[in-house]
Amino acid sequence: MNMPISLDWSTEEVVDVIHFFQGVEEAHQKAGISRDDLLSRYRRFKEIVPSKSEEKQVCKEFDEEAGVSCYRAVQAAKAGETERVRL
């Protein structure tokens, strides 16, 4: 799978963005992901991609490639209705 990454990001930032995307994928799986873990990964992602428009572009590329929704995963985590995020 092709991950949307920027050549401007450091190796550590690329790893952290991929880690966030893996969390989004976990949220779409049966076991889900810890709400706090996903929010922590999202906060780090936002440090790397602070622009809302860039976030939308990067997430859209990933969503289309992986068949998931970054937006829905993050919104479910922010809603905090359960300890785990499962979509």
PDB file of N, CA and C in Angstrom:
ATOM      1  N   MET A   1       0.852  -1.181   0.000  1.00  0.00           N
ATOM      2  CA  MET A   1       0.000   0.000   0.000  1.00  0.00           C
ATOM      3  C   MET A   1       0.894   1.239   0.000  1.00  0.00           C
ATOM      4  N   ASN A   2       0.505   2.209  -0.776  1.00  0.00           N
ATOM      5  CA  ASN A   2       1.224   3.482  -0.815  1.00  0.00           C
ATOM      6  C   ASN A   2       0.731   4.381   0.305  1.00  0.00           C
ATOM      7  N   MET A   3       1.668   4.854   1.116  1.00  0.00           N
ATOM      8  CA  MET A   3       1.332   5.783   2.194  1.00  0.00           C
ATOM      9  C   MET A   3       1.614   7.195   1.704  1.00  0.00           C
ATOM     10  N   PRO A   4       0.688   8.127   1.959  1.00  0.00           N
ATOM     11  CA  PRO A   4       0.946   9.523   1.572  1.00  0.00           C
ATOM     12  C   PRO A   4       1.938  10.161   2.531  1.00  0.00           C
ATOM     13  N   ILE A   5       3.162  10.330   2.076  1.00  0.00           N
ATOM     14  CA  ILE A   5       4.188  10.961   2.910  1.00  0.00           C
ATOM     15  C   ILE A   5       4.794  12.135   2.149  1.00  0.00           C
ATOM     16  N   SER A   6       5.350  13.053   2.895  1.00  0.00           N
ATOM     17  CA  SER A   6       5.971  14.236   2.308  1.00  0.00           C
ATOM     18  C   SER A   6       7.483  14.094   2.353  1.00  0.00           C
ATOM     19  N   LEU A   7       8.140  14.525   1.315  1.00  0.00           N
ATOM     20  CA  LEU A   7       9.599  14.502   1.286  1.00  0.00           C
ATOM     21  C   LEU A   7      10.188  15.497   2.273  1.00  0.00           C
ATOM     22  N   ASP A   8       9.347  16.411   2.764  1.00  0.00           N
ATOM     23  CA  ASP A   8       9.795  17.411   3.740  1.00  0.00           C
ATOM     24  C   ASP A   8       9.875  16.841   5.157  1.00  0.00           C
ATOM     25  N   TRP A   9       9.259  15.687   5.390  1.00  0.00           N
ATOM     26  CA  TRP A   9       9.243  15.100   6.732  1.00  0.00           C
ATOM     27  C   TRP A   9      10.539  14.357   7.007  1.00  0.00           C
ATOM     28  N   SER A  10      10.950  14.391   8.283  1.00  0.00           N
ATOM     29  CA  SER A  10      12.114  13.609   8.709  1.00  0.00           C
ATOM     30  C   SER A  10      11.708  12.130   8.778  1.00  0.00           C
ATOM     31  N   THR A  11      12.689  11.267   8.920  1.00  0.00           N
ATOM     32  CA  THR A  11      12.407   9.834   9.041  1.00  0.00           C
ATOM     33  C   THR A  11      11.496   9.579  10.236  1.00  0.00           C
ATOM     34  N   GLU A  12      11.780  10.241  11.360  1.00  0.00           N
ATOM     35  CA  GLU A  12      10.963  10.067  12.569  1.00  0.00           C
ATOM     36  C   GLU A  12       9.520  10.516  12.311  1.00  0.00           C
ATOM     37  N   GLU A  13       9.356  11.616  11.601  1.00  0.00           N
ATOM     38  CA  GLU A  13       8.008  12.102  11.307  1.00  0.00           C
ATOM     39  C   GLU A  13       7.255  11.132  10.391  1.00  0.00           C
ATOM     40  N   VAL A  14       7.944  10.572   9.410  1.00  0.00           N
ATOM     41  CA  VAL A  14       7.312   9.578   8.528  1.00  0.00           C
ATOM     42  C   VAL A  14       6.846   8.380   9.352  1.00  0.00           C
ATOM     43  N   VAL A  15       7.698   7.915  10.255  1.00  0.00           N
ATOM     44  CA  VAL A  15       7.345   6.779  11.112  1.00  0.00           C
ATOM     45  C   VAL A  15       6.125   7.122  11.966  1.00  0.00           C
ATOM     46  N   ASP A  16       6.083   8.323  12.512  1.00  0.00           N
ATOM     47  CA  ASP A  16       4.967   8.730  13.369  1.00  0.00           C
ATOM     48  C   ASP A  16       3.662   8.866  12.576  1.00  0.00           C
ATOM     49  N   VAL A  17       3.728   9.369  11.349  1.00  0.00           N
ATOM     50  CA  VAL A  17       2.531   9.479  10.515  1.00  0.00           C
ATOM     51  C   VAL A  17       2.019   8.082  10.165  1.00  0.00           C
ATOM     52  N   ILE A  18       2.931   7.180   9.816  1.00  0.00           N
ATOM     53  CA  ILE A  18       2.528   5.802   9.521  1.00  0.00           C
ATOM     54  C   ILE A  18       1.914   5.154  10.759  1.00  0.00           C
ATOM     55  N   HIS A  19       2.461   5.457  11.921  1.00  0.00           N
ATOM     56  CA  HIS A  19       1.928   4.928  13.184  1.00  0.00           C
ATOM     57  C   HIS A  19       0.479   5.400  13.394  1.00  0.00           C
ATOM     58  N   PHE A  20       0.214   6.670  13.074  1.00  0.00           N
ATOM     59  CA  PHE A  20      -1.157   7.187  13.161  1.00  0.00           C
ATOM     60  C   PHE A  20      -2.072   6.436  12.199  1.00  0.00           C
ATOM     61  N   PHE A  21      -1.617   6.286  10.944  1.00  0.00           N
ATOM     62  CA  PHE A  21      -2.430   5.580   9.959  1.00  0.00           C
ATOM     63  C   PHE A  21      -2.704   4.138  10.389  1.00  0.00           C
ATOM     64  N   GLN A  22      -1.729   3.485  10.999  1.00  0.00           N
ATOM     65  CA  GLN A  22      -1.942   2.130  11.496  1.00  0.00           C
ATOM     66  C   GLN A  22      -3.008   2.129  12.594  1.00  0.00           C
ATOM     67  N   GLY A  23      -3.017   3.167  13.411  1.00  0.00           N
ATOM     68  CA  GLY A  23      -4.046   3.290  14.443  1.00  0.00           C
ATOM     69  C   GLY A  23      -5.429   3.439  13.842  1.00  0.00           C
ATOM     70  N   VAL A  24      -5.526   4.215  12.763  1.00  0.00           N
ATOM     71  CA  VAL A  24      -6.807   4.380  12.064  1.00  0.00           C
ATOM     72  C   VAL A  24      -7.271   3.025  11.532  1.00  0.00           C
ATOM     73  N   GLU A  25      -6.345   2.270  10.962  1.00  0.00           N
ATOM     74  CA  GLU A  25      -6.699   0.934  10.452  1.00  0.00           C
ATOM     75  C   GLU A  25      -7.161   0.024  11.588  1.00  0.00           C
ATOM     76  N   GLU A  26      -6.476   0.088  12.727  1.00  0.00           N
ATOM     77  CA  GLU A  26      -6.864  -0.723  13.887  1.00  0.00           C
ATOM     78  C   GLU A  26      -8.279  -0.364  14.345  1.00  0.00           C
ATOM     79  N   ALA A  27      -8.629   0.912  14.274  1.00  0.00           N
ATOM     80  CA  ALA A  27      -9.971   1.347  14.688  1.00  0.00           C
ATOM     81  C   ALA A  27     -11.049   0.723  13.805  1.00  0.00           C
ATOM     82  N   HIS A  28     -10.678   0.374  12.589  1.00  0.00           N
ATOM     83  CA  HIS A  28     -11.634  -0.222  11.653  1.00  0.00           C
ATOM     84  C   HIS A  28     -11.638  -1.754  11.708  1.00  0.00           C
ATOM     85  N   GLN A  29     -10.837  -2.312  12.623  1.00  0.00           N
ATOM     86  CA  GLN A  29     -10.796  -3.761  12.770  1.00  0.00           C
ATOM     87  C   GLN A  29     -11.610  -4.182  13.984  1.00  0.00           C
ATOM     88  N   LYS A  30     -11.872  -5.471  14.064  1.00  0.00           N
ATOM     89  CA  LYS A  30     -12.748  -6.006  15.103  1.00  0.00           C
ATOM     90  C   LYS A  30     -12.288  -5.645  16.525  1.00  0.00           C
ATOM     91  N   ALA A  31     -10.989  -5.771  16.783  1.00  0.00           N
ATOM     92  CA  ALA A  31     -10.479  -5.507  18.137  1.00  0.00           C
ATOM     93  C   ALA A  31     -10.472  -4.020  18.474  1.00  0.00           C
ATOM     94  N   GLY A  32     -10.370  -3.176  17.459  1.00  0.00           N
ATOM     95  CA  GLY A  32     -10.335  -1.736  17.702  1.00  0.00           C
ATOM     96  C   GLY A  32      -9.006  -1.284  18.255  1.00  0.00           C
ATOM     97  N   ILE A  33      -8.979  -0.069  18.761  1.00  0.00           N
ATOM     98  CA  ILE A  33      -7.772   0.533  19.338  1.00  0.00           C
ATOM     99  C   ILE A  33      -8.174   1.347  20.556  1.00  0.00           C
ATOM    100  N   SER A  34      -7.276   1.425  21.508  1.00  0.00           N
ATOM    101  CA  SER A  34      -7.520   2.245  22.693  1.00  0.00           C
ATOM    102  C   SER A  34      -7.768   3.694  22.267  1.00  0.00           C
ATOM    103  N   ARG A  35      -8.793   4.278  22.827  1.00  0.00           N
ATOM    104  CA  ARG A  35      -9.149   5.663  22.531  1.00  0.00           C
ATOM    105  C   ARG A  35      -7.966   6.594  22.805  1.00  0.00           C
ATOM    106  N   ASP A  36      -7.338   6.431  23.970  1.00  0.00           N
ATOM    107  CA  ASP A  36      -6.209   7.286  24.349  1.00  0.00           C
ATOM    108  C   ASP A  36      -5.024   7.106  23.399  1.00  0.00           C
ATOM    109  N   ASP A  37      -4.789   5.879  22.961  1.00  0.00           N
ATOM    110  CA  ASP A  37      -3.693   5.603  22.037  1.00  0.00           C
ATOM    111  C   ASP A  37      -3.933   6.306  20.702  1.00  0.00           C
ATOM    112  N   LEU A  38      -5.148   6.196  20.177  1.00  0.00           N
ATOM    113  CA  LEU A  38      -5.446   6.838  18.901  1.00  0.00           C
ATOM    114  C   LEU A  38      -5.338   8.359  19.009  1.00  0.00           C
ATOM    115  N   LEU A  39      -5.841   8.929  20.101  1.00  0.00           N
ATOM    116  CA  LEU A  39      -5.753  10.387  20.275  1.00  0.00           C
ATOM    117  C   LEU A  39      -4.306  10.852  20.427  1.00  0.00           C
ATOM    118  N   SER A  40      -3.491  10.062  21.086  1.00  0.00           N
ATOM    119  CA  SER A  40      -2.074  10.380  21.232  1.00  0.00           C
ATOM    120  C   SER A  40      -1.388  10.367  19.868  1.00  0.00           C
ATOM    121  N   ARG A  41      -1.694   9.361  19.065  1.00  0.00           N
ATOM    122  CA  ARG A  41      -1.125   9.282  17.722  1.00  0.00           C
ATOM    123  C   ARG A  41      -1.611  10.455  16.856  1.00  0.00           C
ATOM    124  N   TYR A  42      -2.878  10.844  17.037  1.00  0.00           N
ATOM    125  CA  TYR A  42      -3.430  11.962  16.261  1.00  0.00           C
ATOM    126  C   TYR A  42      -2.758  13.273  16.653  1.00  0.00           C
ATOM    127  N   ARG A  43      -2.524  13.479  17.949  1.00  0.00           N
ATOM    128  CA  ARG A  43      -1.847  14.706  18.401  1.00  0.00           C
ATOM    129  C   ARG A  43      -0.455  14.813  17.767  1.00  0.00           C
ATOM    130  N   ARG A  44       0.269  13.713  17.710  1.00  0.00           N
ATOM    131  CA  ARG A  44       1.600  13.716  17.087  1.00  0.00           C
ATOM    132  C   ARG A  44       1.469  13.988  15.590  1.00  0.00           C
ATOM    133  N   PHE A  45       0.478  13.379  14.949  1.00  0.00           N
ATOM    134  CA  PHE A  45       0.222  13.612  13.526  1.00  0.00           C
ATOM    135  C   PHE A  45      -0.014  15.102  13.274  1.00  0.00           C
ATOM    136  N   LYS A  46      -0.792  15.757  14.146  1.00  0.00           N
ATOM    137  CA  LYS A  46      -1.094  17.186  13.986  1.00  0.00           C
ATOM    138  C   LYS A  46       0.141  18.065  14.206  1.00  0.00           C
ATOM    139  N   GLU A  47       1.119  17.599  14.978  1.00  0.00           N
ATOM    140  CA  GLU A  47       2.377  18.341  15.122  1.00  0.00           C
ATOM    141  C   GLU A  47       3.134  18.339  13.793  1.00  0.00           C
ATOM    142  N   ILE A  48       3.023  17.238  13.067  1.00  0.00           N
ATOM    143  CA  ILE A  48       3.721  17.082  11.792  1.00  0.00           C
ATOM    144  C   ILE A  48       2.934  17.739  10.666  1.00  0.00           C
ATOM    145  N   VAL A  49       1.608  17.621  10.722  1.00  0.00           N
ATOM    146  CA  VAL A  49       0.713  18.158   9.686  1.00  0.00           C
ATOM    147  C   VAL A  49      -0.258  19.141  10.355  1.00  0.00           C
ATOM    148  N   PRO A  50       0.208  20.346  10.708  1.00  0.00           N
ATOM    149  CA  PRO A  50      -0.651  21.272  11.447  1.00  0.00           C
ATOM    150  C   PRO A  50      -1.762  21.911  10.605  1.00  0.00           C
ATOM    151  N   SER A  51      -1.569  22.005   9.307  1.00  0.00           N
ATOM    152  CA  SER A  51      -2.545  22.644   8.431  1.00  0.00           C
ATOM    153  C   SER A  51      -3.752  21.733   8.219  1.00  0.00           C
ATOM    154  N   LYS A  52      -4.942  22.290   8.421  1.00  0.00           N
ATOM    155  CA  LYS A  52      -6.179  21.518   8.234  1.00  0.00           C
ATOM    156  C   LYS A  52      -6.317  21.057   6.783  1.00  0.00           C
ATOM    157  N   SER A  53      -5.969  21.914   5.841  1.00  0.00           N
ATOM    158  CA  SER A  53      -6.103  21.538   4.425  1.00  0.00           C
ATOM    159  C   SER A  53      -5.124  20.425   4.060  1.00  0.00           C
ATOM    160  N   GLU A  54      -3.906  20.491   4.585  1.00  0.00           N
ATOM    161  CA  GLU A  54      -2.935  19.426   4.314  1.00  0.00           C
ATOM    162  C   GLU A  54      -3.371  18.124   4.988  1.00  0.00           C
ATOM    163  N   GLU A  55      -3.920  18.243   6.206  1.00  0.00           N
ATOM    164  CA  GLU A  55      -4.429  17.061   6.907  1.00  0.00           C
ATOM    165  C   GLU A  55      -5.508  16.387   6.064  1.00  0.00           C
ATOM    166  N   LYS A  56      -6.442  17.191   5.545  1.00  0.00           N
ATOM    167  CA  LYS A  56      -7.522  16.624   4.726  1.00  0.00           C
ATOM    168  C   LYS A  56      -6.971  15.931   3.491  1.00  0.00           C
ATOM    169  N   GLN A  57      -5.984  16.541   2.854  1.00  0.00           N
ATOM    170  CA  GLN A  57      -5.409  15.964   1.639  1.00  0.00           C
ATOM    171  C   GLN A  57      -4.696  14.640   1.943  1.00  0.00           C
ATOM    172  N   VAL A  58      -3.850  14.639   2.975  1.00  0.00           N
ATOM    173  CA  VAL A  58      -3.085  13.444   3.332  1.00  0.00           C
ATOM    174  C   VAL A  58      -4.037  12.328   3.772  1.00  0.00           C
ATOM    175  N   CYS A  59      -5.011  12.667   4.590  1.00  0.00           N
ATOM    176  CA  CYS A  59      -5.954  11.654   5.070  1.00  0.00           C
ATOM    177  C   CYS A  59      -6.821  11.120   3.927  1.00  0.00           C
ATOM    178  N   LYS A  60      -7.215  11.997   3.015  1.00  0.00           N
ATOM    179  CA  LYS A  60      -8.031  11.553   1.876  1.00  0.00           C
ATOM    180  C   LYS A  60      -7.268  10.531   1.043  1.00  0.00           C
ATOM    181  N   GLU A  61      -5.990  10.808   0.786  1.00  0.00           N
ATOM    182  CA  GLU A  61      -5.165   9.870   0.025  1.00  0.00           C
ATOM    183  C   GLU A  61      -5.085   8.528   0.742  1.00  0.00           C
ATOM    184  N   PHE A  62      -4.857   8.577   2.065  1.00  0.00           N
ATOM    185  CA  PHE A  62      -4.754   7.333   2.835  1.00  0.00           C
ATOM    186  C   PHE A  62      -6.089   6.599   2.865  1.00  0.00           C
ATOM    187  N   ASP A  63      -7.158   7.341   3.121  1.00  0.00           N
ATOM    188  CA  ASP A  63      -8.494   6.731   3.195  1.00  0.00           C
ATOM    189  C   ASP A  63      -8.830   5.978   1.914  1.00  0.00           C
ATOM    190  N   GLU A  64      -8.542   6.606   0.776  1.00  0.00           N
ATOM    191  CA  GLU A  64      -8.857   5.978  -0.505  1.00  0.00           C
ATOM    192  C   GLU A  64      -8.015   4.729  -0.733  1.00  0.00           C
ATOM    193  N   GLU A  65      -6.765   4.780  -0.318  1.00  0.00           N
ATOM    194  CA  GLU A  65      -5.856   3.644  -0.500  1.00  0.00           C
ATOM    195  C   GLU A  65      -6.220   2.483   0.430  1.00  0.00           C
ATOM    196  N   ALA A  66      -6.556   2.815   1.687  1.00  0.00           N
ATOM    197  CA  ALA A  66      -6.774   1.785   2.705  1.00  0.00           C
ATOM    198  C   ALA A  66      -8.241   1.396   2.881  1.00  0.00           C
ATOM    199  N   GLY A  67      -9.159   2.197   2.347  1.00  0.00           N
ATOM    200  CA  GLY A  67     -10.577   1.892   2.527  1.00  0.00           C
ATOM    201  C   GLY A  67     -11.071   2.132   3.941  1.00  0.00           C
ATOM    202  N   VAL A  68     -10.521   3.152   4.594  1.00  0.00           N
ATOM    203  CA  VAL A  68     -10.903   3.509   5.962  1.00  0.00           C
ATOM    204  C   VAL A  68     -11.229   5.001   6.012  1.00  0.00           C
ATOM    205  N   SER A  69     -11.527   5.529   7.199  1.00  0.00           N
ATOM    206  CA  SER A  69     -11.799   6.947   7.346  1.00  0.00           C
ATOM    207  C   SER A  69     -11.071   7.498   8.567  1.00  0.00           C
ATOM    208  N   CYS A  70     -10.030   8.294   8.314  1.00  0.00           N
ATOM    209  CA  CYS A  70      -9.307   8.950   9.412  1.00  0.00           C
ATOM    210  C   CYS A  70     -10.268   9.829  10.209  1.00  0.00           C
ATOM    211  N   TYR A  71     -11.104  10.574   9.497  1.00  0.00           N
ATOM    212  CA  TYR A  71     -12.036  11.498  10.135  1.00  0.00           C
ATOM    213  C   TYR A  71     -12.969  10.762  11.101  1.00  0.00           C
ATOM    214  N   ARG A  72     -13.589   9.694  10.623  1.00  0.00           N
ATOM    215  CA  ARG A  72     -14.521   8.942  11.475  1.00  0.00           C
ATOM    216  C   ARG A  72     -13.816   8.345  12.689  1.00  0.00           C
ATOM    217  N   ALA A  73     -12.589   7.847  12.493  1.00  0.00           N
ATOM    218  CA  ALA A  73     -11.839   7.255  13.606  1.00  0.00           C
ATOM    219  C   ALA A  73     -11.523   8.302  14.668  1.00  0.00           C
ATOM    220  N   VAL A  74     -11.034   9.461  14.232  1.00  0.00           N
ATOM    221  CA  VAL A  74     -10.676  10.519  15.180  1.00  0.00           C
ATOM    222  C   VAL A  74     -11.925  11.070  15.866  1.00  0.00           C
ATOM    223  N   GLN A  75     -12.999  11.258  15.116  1.00  0.00           N
ATOM    224  CA  GLN A  75     -14.244  11.760  15.721  1.00  0.00           C
ATOM    225  C   GLN A  75     -14.780  10.787  16.763  1.00  0.00           C
ATOM    226  N   ALA A  76     -14.709   9.492  16.478  1.00  0.00           N
ATOM    227  CA  ALA A  76     -15.173   8.484  17.450  1.00  0.00           C
ATOM    228  C   ALA A  76     -14.305   8.528  18.708  1.00  0.00           C
ATOM    229  N   ALA A  77     -13.009   8.714  18.537  1.00  0.00           N
ATOM    230  CA  ALA A  77     -12.111   8.800  19.690  1.00  0.00           C
ATOM    231  C   ALA A  77     -12.401  10.058  20.513  1.00  0.00           C
ATOM    232  N   LYS A  78     -12.619  11.173  19.826  1.00  0.00           N
ATOM    233  CA  LYS A  78     -12.909  12.426  20.529  1.00  0.00           C
ATOM    234  C   LYS A  78     -14.245  12.371  21.264  1.00  0.00           C
ATOM    235  N   ALA A  79     -15.206  11.642  20.709  1.00  0.00           N
ATOM    236  CA  ALA A  79     -16.514  11.522  21.355  1.00  0.00           C
ATOM    237  C   ALA A  79     -16.376  10.816  22.697  1.00  0.00           C
ATOM    238  N   GLY A  80     -15.410   9.912  22.776  1.00  0.00           N
ATOM    239  CA  GLY A  80     -15.094   9.270  24.051  1.00  0.00           C
ATOM    240  C   GLY A  80     -16.196   8.465  24.678  1.00  0.00           C
ATOM    241  N   GLU A  81     -17.046   7.879  23.865  1.00  0.00           N
ATOM    242  CA  GLU A  81     -18.166   7.118  24.411  1.00  0.00           C
ATOM    243  C   GLU A  81     -17.733   5.766  24.962  1.00  0.00           C
ATOM    244  N   THR A  82     -16.624   5.238  24.470  1.00  0.00           N
ATOM    245  CA  THR A  82     -16.106   3.952  24.949  1.00  0.00           C
ATOM    246  C   THR A  82     -14.602   4.039  25.110  1.00  0.00           C
ATOM    247  N   GLU A  83     -14.033   3.066  25.823  1.00  0.00           N
ATOM    248  CA  GLU A  83     -12.592   3.013  26.050  1.00  0.00           C
ATOM    249  C   GLU A  83     -11.838   2.656  24.772  1.00  0.00           C
ATOM    250  N   ARG A  84     -12.489   1.899  23.882  1.00  0.00           N
ATOM    251  CA  ARG A  84     -11.869   1.481  22.619  1.00  0.00           C
ATOM    252  C   ARG A  84     -12.653   2.040  21.457  1.00  0.00           C
ATOM    253  N   VAL A  85     -11.935   2.355  20.402  1.00  0.00           N
ATOM    254  CA  VAL A  85     -12.570   2.856  19.172  1.00  0.00           C
ATOM    255  C   VAL A  85     -12.694   1.684  18.212  1.00  0.00           C
ATOM    256  N   ARG A  86     -13.939   1.379  17.828  1.00  0.00           N
ATOM    257  CA  ARG A  86     -14.217   0.320  16.853  1.00  0.00           C
ATOM    258  C   ARG A  86     -15.246   0.853  15.867  1.00  0.00           C
ATOM    259  N   LEU A  87     -14.901   0.835  14.587  1.00  0.00           N
ATOM    260  CA  LEU A  87     -15.818   1.324  13.570  1.00  0.00           C
ATOM    261  C   LEU A  87     -16.315   0.180  12.702  1.00  0.00           C
TER     262      LEU A  87
END
